[in-house]
């Protein structure tokens, strides 16, 4: 029993379970035919780059697919470089409890118990932070970033949802972009100043920008017709142009560049999100959308769908639907009504649409599992064992549905062991008559037993498989 619990047997059981899960997933992918691949990588605790591969396919029976406080009741969180939710959580205490944080910094600065070089540096740093947060410019920048990150966090949570589709994600991104564009004006800046004034009143500071004393630099004109550049004298206008508009422009550009491809997919597949309303649309518009889709799915003269047949099939399906349905619900309706062979082009178009990934949130979730498995105490874990444990943990639903009896039999057949319990009669201690040399015939030992064998019992193997699954 102790031998069966060794690390070598554990690794073999882990690889057996991981291989069974992979075989099951690959079989489903082959049946689905259409799939997409999401690749992402991250360093683990040992600073080794780990790659995750997500296969997104459509199974009609299932869903598509396959992150120290000094005041009481207040926690200051560090800034996260990856999760938008952590960033807004880090700003929330500053946004609504900046006065308490300022008092705490002053308390640290006035604490005479902090002595020595480390204590002196701590007090000096606390004083510098207190002076920095007590400025009106900091309050305005805090209100600006909080409003932007709050809106971005809503979009980020929506994209991380497993049920997020192309249509809803595009609408949410358009709403975020519209909000950012509405903030880039004088009215938007005035609203930020109102929020910053509330923070300034809590800090008991004047809600005014400090006027910086700087020497004016005159740019040499190369030609006489060039106009003189007028510098901004008002500190409020300077802050608005150099900081407020600059931050908003960066946020708007990031949304446009990062999700440009998502908008292009929406232009191609968007009409499939309202199959129920196709029966009211003009035939020319529907045929035009179908032709664009056929063109996008054509490669080397081969195409998966026919535009005219798809147009006719969509009209037939729209007449059968009693209410508006999302593509996934429409595909399930077609499957329940046994219409796959009647409308093959619609089925193919919907399956391709549902395989399109909206975000890389699936890869991020797998990285969360990686951090739970490959901890500091397990940093020396071999790569093969890490991959096996990650596969079992990530695909826990598939692992719980495995046939353990079949896996136990497979493991027992591969690891059968034979142990000799009695000496063989053909050994030198026995003669050809079944007698020991030197003994008379009366002491003949009757040879009834030849060999005893011991095999790995199924109970031990099944127990170990259940331990791995847990």
Protein backbone atom coordinates (compact mmCIF):
# COMPACT_ATOMS: atom_id res chain seq x y z
CA UNK A 1 0.00 0.00 0.00
CA UNK A 2 2.87 2.36 0.77
CA UNK A 3 4.43 1.57 -2.60
CA UNK A 4 1.17 2.39 -4.38
CA UNK A 5 1.18 5.85 -2.77
CA UNK A 6 4.64 6.74 -4.11
CA UNK A 7 5.24 9.76 -6.29
CA UNK A 8 5.79 7.63 -9.38
CA UNK A 9 2.38 5.94 -9.08
CA UNK A 10 0.76 9.31 -8.37
CA UNK A 11 2.27 10.79 -11.53
CA UNK A 12 1.05 7.82 -13.56
CA UNK A 13 -2.47 8.21 -12.18
CA UNK A 14 -2.44 11.95 -12.87
CA UNK A 15 -1.29 11.39 -16.46
CA UNK A 16 -3.93 8.67 -16.91
CA UNK A 17 -6.72 11.05 -15.85
CA UNK A 18 -5.33 13.98 -17.86
CA UNK A 19 -5.00 11.82 -20.99
CA UNK A 20 -8.58 10.60 -20.63
CA UNK A 21 -9.83 14.20 -20.33
CA UNK A 22 -7.83 15.30 -23.38
CA UNK A 23 -9.10 12.38 -25.45
CA UNK A 24 -12.68 13.23 -24.52
CA UNK A 25 -12.24 16.90 -25.44
CA UNK A 26 -10.52 16.11 -28.74
CA UNK A 27 -13.33 13.70 -29.64
CA UNK A 28 -15.89 16.47 -29.06
CA UNK A 29 -13.82 18.93 -31.10
CA UNK A 30 -13.65 16.51 -34.03
CA UNK A 31 -17.42 16.13 -33.94
CA UNK A 32 -17.93 19.89 -33.73
CA UNK A 33 -15.66 20.45 -36.78
CA UNK A 34 -15.58 24.25 -36.26
CA UNK A 35 -13.49 25.59 -33.39
CA UNK A 36 -11.29 28.53 -32.43
CA UNK A 37 -8.03 28.60 -30.46
CA UNK A 38 -7.11 31.10 -27.75
CA UNK A 39 -3.43 31.26 -26.77
CA UNK A 40 -2.06 33.16 -23.80
CA UNK A 41 1.01 32.89 -21.57
CA UNK A 42 2.14 33.99 -18.12
CA UNK A 43 5.17 33.34 -15.87
CA UNK A 44 4.63 31.01 -12.91
CA UNK A 45 6.13 31.16 -9.42
CA UNK A 46 9.39 29.74 -10.80
CA UNK A 47 9.57 32.46 -13.50
CA UNK A 48 8.93 29.85 -16.20
CA UNK A 49 6.66 30.95 -19.04
CA UNK A 50 3.52 28.81 -19.06
CA UNK A 51 1.32 28.65 -22.18
CA UNK A 52 -2.41 27.96 -22.06
CA UNK A 53 -4.45 26.81 -25.04
CA UNK A 54 -8.23 27.22 -25.00
CA UNK A 55 -10.36 25.38 -27.57
CA UNK A 56 -13.72 27.05 -28.12
CA UNK A 57 -16.28 24.94 -29.95
CA UNK A 58 -20.03 24.37 -30.02
CA UNK A 59 -21.69 21.45 -28.30
CA UNK A 60 -25.43 21.80 -28.72
CA UNK A 61 -26.00 19.91 -25.48
CA UNK A 62 -23.75 22.29 -23.53
CA UNK A 63 -22.70 25.93 -23.37
CA UNK A 64 -20.23 27.24 -25.98
CA UNK A 65 -16.56 27.01 -24.73
CA UNK A 66 -14.83 25.06 -23.34
CA UNK A 67 -8.00 37.76 -9.52
CA UNK A 68 -2.38 46.98 5.93
CA UNK A 69 -4.75 49.36 7.12
CA UNK A 70 -4.19 51.88 9.91
CA UNK A 71 -7.80 53.05 10.04
CA UNK A 72 -10.71 51.02 11.31
CA UNK A 73 -12.99 49.43 8.68
CA UNK A 74 -10.79 50.74 5.84
CA UNK A 75 -8.29 48.81 3.74
CA UNK A 76 -5.73 50.33 1.39
CA UNK A 77 -5.09 47.96 -1.51
CA UNK A 78 -2.06 47.92 -3.81
CA UNK A 79 -2.38 48.77 -7.48
CA UNK A 80 -2.82 45.79 -9.80
CA UNK A 81 -1.17 45.81 -13.21
CA UNK A 82 -3.58 43.33 -14.80
CA UNK A 83 -7.06 43.36 -13.28
CA UNK A 84 -9.22 46.43 -13.86
CA UNK A 85 -11.42 45.45 -10.91
CA UNK A 86 -8.40 45.58 -8.59
CA UNK A 87 -7.51 49.02 -9.90
CA UNK A 88 -10.93 50.48 -9.11
CA UNK A 89 -10.81 48.78 -5.69
CA UNK A 90 -7.45 50.44 -5.05
CA UNK A 91 -8.88 53.89 -5.88
CA UNK A 92 -12.14 53.52 -3.95
CA UNK A 93 -10.63 54.13 -0.46
CA UNK A 94 -8.80 57.18 -1.80
CA UNK A 95 -11.92 58.50 -3.49
CA UNK A 96 -14.23 58.32 -0.47
CA UNK A 97 -11.82 58.26 2.52
CA UNK A 98 -9.00 60.54 1.45
CA UNK A 99 -9.39 62.71 4.58
CA UNK A 100 -8.96 59.68 6.85
CA UNK A 101 -5.88 58.59 4.91
CA UNK A 102 -4.43 62.11 5.21
CA UNK A 103 -4.95 62.08 8.98
CA UNK A 104 -3.33 58.66 9.21
CA UNK A 105 -0.27 59.87 7.31
CA UNK A 106 0.06 62.84 9.62
CA UNK A 107 -0.28 60.53 12.62
CA UNK A 108 2.63 58.45 11.30
CA UNK A 109 4.69 61.60 10.74
CA UNK A 110 4.08 62.83 14.30
CA UNK A 111 4.78 59.44 15.89
CA UNK A 112 7.94 59.90 17.97
CA UNK A 113 8.22 56.17 18.64
CA UNK A 114 9.55 55.66 15.12
CA UNK A 115 13.27 55.99 15.65
CA UNK A 116 16.38 55.00 13.80
CA UNK A 117 17.08 55.24 10.11
CA UNK A 118 14.05 53.18 9.08
CA UNK A 119 11.74 55.09 11.40
CA UNK A 120 13.00 58.46 10.15
CA UNK A 121 12.59 57.45 6.52
CA UNK A 122 9.07 56.22 7.25
CA UNK A 123 8.11 59.54 8.83
CA UNK A 124 9.63 61.53 5.98
CA UNK A 125 7.84 59.41 3.39
CA UNK A 126 4.53 59.78 5.26
CA UNK A 127 4.98 63.57 5.30
CA UNK A 128 5.69 63.64 1.55
CA UNK A 129 2.61 61.54 0.81
CA UNK A 130 0.46 63.74 3.04
CA UNK A 131 1.64 66.86 1.21
CA UNK A 132 0.97 65.22 -2.17
CA UNK A 133 -2.61 64.09 -1.43
CA UNK A 134 -3.54 67.44 0.12
CA UNK A 135 -3.31 69.27 -3.19
CA UNK A 136 -6.32 70.14 -5.32
CA UNK A 137 -4.64 68.76 -8.44
CA UNK A 138 -4.50 65.34 -6.78
CA UNK A 139 -8.20 65.50 -5.94
CA UNK A 140 -9.08 66.35 -9.56
CA UNK A 141 -6.88 63.59 -10.97
CA UNK A 142 -8.36 61.12 -8.45
CA UNK A 143 -11.92 61.98 -9.51
CA UNK A 144 -10.94 61.71 -13.18
CA UNK A 145 -9.35 58.28 -12.89
CA UNK A 146 -12.12 56.94 -10.65
CA UNK A 147 -14.86 57.87 -13.13
CA UNK A 148 -12.95 56.34 -16.06
CA UNK A 149 -11.99 53.12 -14.28
CA UNK A 150 -15.50 52.68 -12.88
CA UNK A 151 -16.94 52.64 -16.40
CA UNK A 152 -14.13 50.45 -17.76
CA UNK A 153 -14.63 47.99 -14.89
CA UNK A 154 -18.27 47.46 -15.91
CA UNK A 155 -17.15 46.57 -19.44
CA UNK A 156 -14.38 44.34 -18.13
CA UNK A 157 -16.80 42.34 -15.97
CA UNK A 158 -19.17 41.96 -18.89
CA UNK A 159 -16.43 40.61 -21.14
CA UNK A 160 -15.34 38.13 -18.45
CA UNK A 161 -18.81 36.60 -18.33
CA UNK A 162 -18.96 33.13 -19.87
CA UNK A 163 -22.32 33.97 -21.49
CA UNK A 164 -20.99 37.13 -23.17
CA UNK A 165 -21.54 37.09 -26.92
CA UNK A 166 -20.37 39.22 -29.81
CA UNK A 167 -23.48 41.40 -29.92
CA UNK A 168 -23.69 42.25 -26.22
CA UNK A 169 -19.92 42.83 -25.97
CA UNK A 170 -20.01 45.24 -28.91
CA UNK A 171 -22.91 47.18 -27.42
CA UNK A 172 -21.16 47.48 -24.08
CA UNK A 173 -17.98 48.72 -25.74
CA UNK A 174 -19.93 51.28 -27.74
CA UNK A 175 -21.55 52.49 -24.52
CA UNK A 176 -18.13 52.84 -22.87
CA UNK A 177 -16.74 54.73 -25.84
CA UNK A 178 -19.76 57.05 -25.90
CA UNK A 179 -19.31 57.78 -22.19
CA UNK A 180 -15.63 58.62 -22.63
CA UNK A 181 -16.42 60.89 -25.59
CA UNK A 182 -19.13 62.67 -23.59
CA UNK A 183 -16.62 63.36 -20.82
CA UNK A 184 -14.19 65.03 -23.24
CA UNK A 185 -15.79 68.46 -23.15
CA UNK A 186 -16.06 71.46 -20.88
CA UNK A 187 -19.23 70.12 -19.22
CA UNK A 188 -17.51 66.82 -18.44
CA UNK A 189 -14.54 68.63 -16.91
CA UNK A 190 -16.86 70.77 -14.78
CA UNK A 191 -18.52 67.62 -13.39
CA UNK A 192 -15.11 66.30 -12.40
CA UNK A 193 -14.34 69.62 -10.69
CA UNK A 194 -17.56 69.30 -8.67
CA UNK A 195 -16.49 65.86 -7.42
CA UNK A 196 -13.00 67.12 -6.68
CA UNK A 197 -14.42 70.06 -4.72
CA UNK A 198 -16.22 67.65 -2.38
CA UNK A 199 -12.93 65.87 -1.73
CA UNK A 200 -11.19 69.21 -1.16
CA UNK A 201 -13.80 70.22 1.41
CA UNK A 202 -13.17 67.01 3.34
CA UNK A 203 -9.44 67.79 3.32
CA UNK A 204 -10.17 71.40 4.26
CA UNK A 205 -8.14 72.80 1.36
CA UNK A 206 -8.95 75.48 -1.16
CA UNK A 207 -10.47 74.10 -4.41
CA UNK A 208 -8.09 76.05 -6.59
CA UNK A 209 -5.27 75.07 -8.88
CA UNK A 210 -1.81 76.23 -7.97
CA UNK A 211 -0.32 78.61 -10.47
CA UNK A 212 3.13 77.45 -11.43
CA UNK A 213 5.78 80.06 -11.94
CA UNK A 214 7.64 79.30 -15.14
CA UNK A 215 9.63 81.35 -17.58
CA UNK A 216 7.97 81.79 -20.95
CA UNK A 217 9.88 80.33 -23.82
CA UNK A 218 9.45 81.92 -27.18
CA UNK A 219 9.85 79.63 -30.13
CA UNK A 220 11.89 81.02 -32.95
CA UNK A 221 9.83 81.54 -36.08
CA UNK A 222 11.33 80.33 -39.32
CA UNK A 223 8.90 82.27 -41.48
CA UNK A 224 7.16 85.58 -40.97
CA UNK A 225 3.71 84.22 -41.71
CA UNK A 226 3.84 81.84 -38.71
CA UNK A 227 1.55 82.88 -35.87
CA UNK A 228 2.76 83.40 -32.34
CA UNK A 229 2.05 80.52 -29.95
CA UNK A 230 0.04 81.67 -26.97
CA UNK A 231 0.64 79.72 -23.78
CA UNK A 232 -2.21 78.96 -21.39
CA UNK A 233 -2.23 81.32 -18.43
CA UNK A 234 -5.17 79.82 -16.55
CA UNK A 235 -3.95 76.81 -14.43
CA UNK A 236 -7.38 75.20 -14.75
CA UNK A 237 -7.18 75.26 -18.54
CA UNK A 238 -3.60 74.00 -18.42
CA UNK A 239 -4.64 71.03 -16.27
CA UNK A 240 -7.58 70.29 -18.55
CA UNK A 241 -5.49 70.25 -21.71
CA UNK A 242 -2.33 68.59 -20.41
CA UNK A 243 -3.87 66.01 -18.09
CA UNK A 244 -7.65 65.60 -18.41
CA UNK A 245 -7.91 65.51 -22.20
CA UNK A 246 -4.71 63.50 -22.48
CA UNK A 247 -5.99 60.73 -20.20
CA UNK A 248 -9.33 60.56 -22.00
CA UNK A 249 -7.66 60.43 -25.42
CA UNK A 250 -5.51 57.50 -24.31
CA UNK A 251 -8.55 55.64 -22.96
CA UNK A 252 -10.60 56.23 -26.12
CA UNK A 253 -7.74 55.17 -28.37
CA UNK A 254 -7.20 52.01 -26.33
CA UNK A 255 -10.86 51.02 -26.69
CA UNK A 256 -10.84 51.66 -30.44
CA UNK A 257 -7.60 49.79 -31.16
CA UNK A 258 -8.11 46.81 -28.90
CA UNK A 259 -11.63 45.99 -30.08
CA UNK A 260 -11.42 47.02 -33.72
CA UNK A 261 -11.55 43.38 -34.85
CA UNK A 262 -14.61 42.79 -32.67
CA UNK A 263 -16.49 45.51 -34.56
CA UNK A 264 -15.48 43.97 -37.90
CA UNK A 265 -16.90 40.60 -36.80
CA UNK A 266 -20.10 42.34 -35.72
CA UNK A 267 -20.47 43.80 -39.22
CA UNK A 268 -20.25 40.30 -40.74
CA UNK A 269 -22.27 38.19 -38.26
CA UNK A 270 -24.49 40.86 -36.72
CA UNK A 271 -27.64 39.96 -38.68
CA UNK A 272 -27.65 36.46 -37.12
CA UNK A 273 -28.51 37.92 -33.71
CA UNK A 274 -32.02 38.80 -34.85
CA UNK A 275 -33.20 35.78 -36.84
CA UNK A 276 -36.75 36.37 -35.59
CA UNK A 277 -36.83 39.81 -37.23
CA UNK A 278 -35.54 38.59 -40.60
CA UNK A 279 -39.07 37.85 -41.77
CA UNK A 280 -39.80 41.59 -41.61
CA UNK A 281 -36.59 42.70 -43.38
CA UNK A 282 -36.32 43.25 -47.15
CA UNK A 283 -35.03 40.28 -49.14
CA UNK A 284 -32.30 42.37 -50.78
CA UNK A 285 -30.79 43.35 -47.41
CA UNK A 286 -30.81 39.77 -46.12
CA UNK A 287 -29.24 38.47 -49.32
CA UNK A 288 -26.55 41.16 -49.14
CA UNK A 289 -25.65 40.14 -45.57
CA UNK A 290 -25.56 36.46 -46.56
CA UNK A 291 -23.27 37.22 -49.50
CA UNK A 292 -20.88 39.10 -47.23
CA UNK A 293 -20.82 36.15 -44.86
CA UNK A 294 -20.20 33.71 -47.70
CA UNK A 295 -17.33 35.86 -48.94
CA UNK A 296 -15.77 35.96 -45.47
CA UNK A 297 -15.98 32.15 -45.14
CA UNK A 298 -14.47 31.48 -48.57
CA UNK A 299 -10.91 30.16 -48.84
CA UNK A 300 -9.18 29.07 -52.05
CA UNK A 301 -12.49 28.93 -53.88
CA UNK A 302 -14.14 26.72 -51.23
CA UNK A 303 -16.89 28.04 -49.00
CA UNK A 304 -18.81 26.51 -46.11
CA UNK A 305 -22.18 28.08 -46.89
CA UNK A 306 -24.19 29.15 -49.91
CA UNK A 307 -25.55 32.70 -49.72
CA UNK A 308 -28.86 32.11 -51.51
CA UNK A 309 -29.61 28.89 -49.62
CA UNK A 310 -28.73 30.61 -46.34
CA UNK A 311 -31.11 33.46 -47.13
CA UNK A 312 -33.98 31.07 -47.82
CA UNK A 313 -33.23 28.97 -44.75
CA UNK A 314 -33.10 32.03 -42.47
CA UNK A 315 -36.54 33.11 -43.66
CA UNK A 316 -37.91 29.63 -42.96
CA UNK A 317 -36.39 29.53 -39.46
CA UNK A 318 -37.64 33.07 -38.66
CA UNK A 319 -41.19 31.95 -39.41
CA UNK A 320 -40.81 29.07 -36.94
CA UNK A 321 -39.51 31.23 -34.09
CA UNK A 322 -42.26 32.64 -31.87
CA UNK A 323 -40.02 35.18 -30.11
CA UNK A 324 -36.59 36.79 -30.53
CA UNK A 325 -33.76 34.41 -29.64
CA UNK A 326 -30.01 34.67 -29.33
CA UNK A 327 -27.90 32.53 -31.71
CA UNK A 328 -27.29 29.89 -29.06
CA UNK A 329 -30.99 29.56 -28.24
CA UNK A 330 -31.85 29.48 -31.95
CA UNK A 331 -29.34 26.67 -32.52
CA UNK A 332 -30.83 24.68 -29.63
CA UNK A 333 -34.31 25.25 -31.08
CA UNK A 334 -33.20 23.88 -34.43
CA UNK A 335 -31.69 20.84 -32.71
CA UNK A 336 -34.81 20.17 -30.62
CA UNK A 337 -37.04 20.38 -33.71
CA UNK A 338 -34.72 18.03 -35.68
CA UNK A 339 -34.14 20.64 -38.39
CA UNK A 340 -30.36 20.25 -38.77
CA UNK A 341 -30.66 18.50 -42.14
CA UNK A 342 -33.32 20.92 -43.37
CA UNK A 343 -31.35 24.13 -42.69
CA UNK A 344 -27.65 23.08 -42.82
CA UNK A 345 -26.38 26.51 -43.84
CA UNK A 346 -28.02 28.18 -40.83
CA UNK A 347 -26.56 25.55 -38.48
CA UNK A 348 -23.05 26.05 -39.90
CA UNK A 349 -23.30 29.85 -39.71
CA UNK A 350 -24.49 29.77 -36.10
CA UNK A 351 -21.82 27.27 -35.06
CA UNK A 352 -19.06 29.39 -36.58
CA UNK A 353 -20.49 32.50 -34.92
CA UNK A 354 -20.56 30.86 -31.48
CA UNK A 355 -16.95 29.71 -31.78
CA UNK A 356 -15.71 33.30 -32.12
CA UNK A 357 -14.05 34.31 -28.81
CA UNK A 358 -15.16 37.62 -27.31
CA UNK A 359 -12.20 37.99 -24.92
CA UNK A 360 -9.32 36.03 -23.39
CA UNK A 361 -11.05 35.67 -20.03
CA UNK A 362 -10.97 31.86 -20.35
CA UNK A 363 -7.19 31.96 -20.47
CA UNK A 364 -7.07 34.25 -17.44
CA UNK A 365 -9.24 31.80 -15.50
CA UNK A 366 -6.81 29.00 -16.30
CA UNK A 367 -3.97 31.16 -14.95
CA UNK A 368 -5.89 31.52 -11.70
CA UNK A 369 -5.94 27.73 -11.42
CA UNK A 370 -2.22 27.68 -12.15
CA UNK A 371 -1.50 29.97 -9.20
CA UNK A 372 -3.50 27.70 -6.89
CA UNK A 373 -1.58 24.60 -8.01
CA UNK A 374 1.96 25.88 -8.51
CA UNK A 375 2.51 27.60 -5.17
CA UNK A 376 5.79 28.56 -3.51
CA UNK A 377 6.03 25.18 -1.77
CA UNK A 378 5.47 23.39 -5.10
CA UNK A 379 7.81 25.52 -7.20
CA UNK A 380 10.01 22.49 -8.01
CA UNK A 381 7.14 20.49 -9.50
CA UNK A 382 7.94 18.82 -12.82
CA UNK A 383 6.27 20.22 -15.92
CA UNK A 384 4.47 16.99 -16.81
CA UNK A 385 2.89 16.71 -13.36
CA UNK A 386 1.93 20.41 -13.41
CA UNK A 387 0.22 20.06 -16.79
CA UNK A 388 -1.67 16.98 -15.62
CA UNK A 389 -2.90 18.58 -12.39
CA UNK A 390 -3.87 21.77 -14.24
CA UNK A 391 -5.86 19.77 -16.79
CA UNK A 392 -7.76 17.90 -14.05
CA UNK A 393 -8.43 21.10 -12.10
CA UNK A 394 -9.51 23.26 -15.05
CA UNK A 395 -11.68 20.53 -16.61
CA UNK A 396 -13.10 19.35 -13.28
CA UNK A 397 -16.54 18.76 -14.78
CA UNK A 398 -15.08 16.42 -17.39
CA UNK A 399 -12.98 14.70 -14.71
CA UNK A 400 -16.01 14.06 -12.49
CA UNK A 401 -17.81 12.36 -15.41
CA UNK A 402 -14.99 9.93 -16.22
CA UNK A 403 -15.61 6.20 -15.98
CA UNK A 404 -13.43 5.31 -13.01
CA UNK A 405 -14.05 1.57 -13.32
CA UNK A 406 -12.70 1.60 -16.86
CA UNK A 407 -9.67 3.67 -15.83
CA UNK A 408 -9.00 1.36 -12.88
CA UNK A 409 -9.03 -1.65 -15.16
CA UNK A 410 -6.71 0.08 -17.58
CA UNK A 411 -4.31 1.06 -14.82
CA UNK A 412 -4.38 -2.44 -13.30
CA UNK A 413 -3.62 -4.06 -16.65
CA UNK A 414 -0.67 -1.75 -17.18
CA UNK A 415 0.72 -2.11 -13.67
CA UNK A 416 0.12 -5.83 -12.95
CA UNK A 417 2.86 -7.24 -10.68
CA UNK A 418 3.94 -10.86 -10.08
CA UNK A 419 5.58 -11.97 -6.82
CA UNK A 420 6.92 -15.51 -6.20
CA UNK A 421 5.68 -16.84 -2.84
CA UNK A 422 6.84 -20.49 -3.02
CA UNK A 423 9.94 -21.96 -4.64
CA UNK A 424 9.41 -23.50 -8.02
CA UNK A 425 9.49 -27.32 -8.07
CA UNK A 426 11.96 -27.09 -10.93
CA UNK A 427 14.50 -25.28 -8.75
CA UNK A 428 17.69 -27.17 -7.73
CA UNK A 429 16.19 -27.96 -4.33
CA UNK A 430 13.68 -30.37 -5.93
CA UNK A 431 14.33 -33.43 -8.07
CA UNK A 432 12.29 -34.58 -10.99
CA UNK A 433 10.17 -36.79 -8.70
CA UNK A 434 9.02 -33.92 -6.52
CA UNK A 435 11.35 -34.91 -3.64
CA UNK A 436 14.00 -32.94 -1.89
CA UNK A 437 17.51 -34.32 -2.40
CA UNK A 438 18.73 -36.42 0.56
CA UNK A 439 15.26 -37.45 1.77
CA UNK A 440 13.65 -40.83 1.46
CA UNK A 441 10.46 -41.62 -0.29
CA UNK A 442 8.36 -41.42 2.86
CA UNK A 443 9.17 -37.76 3.15
CA UNK A 444 8.07 -36.97 -0.37
CA UNK A 445 6.55 -33.55 -0.60
CA UNK A 446 3.48 -33.66 -2.75
CA UNK A 447 3.67 -30.81 -5.24
CA UNK A 448 0.22 -29.26 -5.50
CA UNK A 449 1.19 -25.62 -5.74
CA UNK A 450 3.22 -24.25 -8.62
CA UNK A 451 3.18 -20.43 -8.42
CA UNK A 452 1.31 -17.84 -6.45
CA UNK A 453 0.81 -14.42 -8.03
CA UNK A 454 -0.29 -11.15 -6.52
CA UNK A 455 -1.88 -8.50 -8.71
CA UNK A 456 -2.67 -4.87 -7.96
CA UNK A 457 -6.09 -4.82 -6.36
CA UNK A 458 -8.79 -2.60 -7.84
CA UNK A 459 -9.63 -1.18 -4.40
CA UNK A 460 -6.24 0.50 -4.05
CA UNK A 461 -6.31 1.91 -7.58
CA UNK A 462 -9.86 3.23 -7.26
CA UNK A 463 -8.97 4.86 -3.94
CA UNK A 464 -5.99 6.61 -5.47
CA UNK A 465 -8.03 7.83 -8.44
CA UNK A 466 -10.60 9.32 -6.09
CA UNK A 467 -7.84 11.05 -4.11
CA UNK A 468 -6.50 12.64 -7.30
CA UNK A 469 -9.95 13.82 -8.33
CA UNK A 470 -10.57 15.42 -4.94
